[in-house]
Structures are given as structure tokens and as C-alpha cells.
Amino acid sequence: QVQLVESGGGVVQAGGSLRLSCAASGRTFSTYAMGWFRQAPGKEREFVATIIWSLGSTFYADSVKGRFTISRDNAENTIHLQMISLKPEDTAVYYCAFTPYISSSPYYTPSAYGYWGQGTQVTVSS
């Protein structure tokens, strides 16, 4: 089992910045990828960014490229999501996701990840 705990959400004005963190614990000796998804009210959960652990490769949704940066701290089994130039449309609950192995589902789909955090609210006011 893997436990994920997110932190860093909050309320910020448009154009502002926030940094989210996700700490993984438990059976983290096998980590294929960790990433972030978000879900706004009435919408489906959508991919934000992911990092392939062994390679350090990162992938982003088009909507956040150039504004969000995902990074990792190997020693702490933690990932971060630095968000700048936030927009009201970024408002959502942000979820951390983890998979210990490569999935048959694409990395940008929720089904590729077997473990999820409880979510942290990000609200961007206009």
C-alpha cells in the first residue's frame, strides 16, 4: 500500500503563484510515476502533469505548459507542483497520483494510477 498526502493548496488572486507538495509513504520502493490531476465542480478529473521517476521525464497538459513545473525529491519520496501565472480556470481540487509500475493506460489518464491522495483545493480569484 502507498499513502499520499498533499499540501499547499489555498486561495490566490489571478496571476499569483502556489506550490503544491505530495509526500508518498509505504511501499514506495517501486515507483514508476507520480503526477497531478485536477477536478473542477461538474467536470471530469483531468491530467495536469506527471514525472517518470527513473528517468526524471516530465509531461504536462497543454493548458498548464509554461506555467506549471513538476519536480521530485527522491530522498523524501515527494513531488512538487510549482504553479505560476494562475488563472481562475485553474480552480479545482488537485489530486496527487502514484503508480508503482507502467500501465497499459496512457499516463495522462486517471486509470494509469492506482493510488490517490485526498486532494487539496486551489482557488484562483479574478
Foldseek 3Di string as FASTA:
>chain_A
DKAKAKDWADEEAAQAKTKMKIFIDDPVPQFQKKAKWWDDPPDDIWGAKMAGPVVRDIDGDPVQPPFWDWGDDVVRNMIMIIGGSDDQVVWTWMKMFTDRDADPDDPGDPVRGDDIYPTDTHGYHD
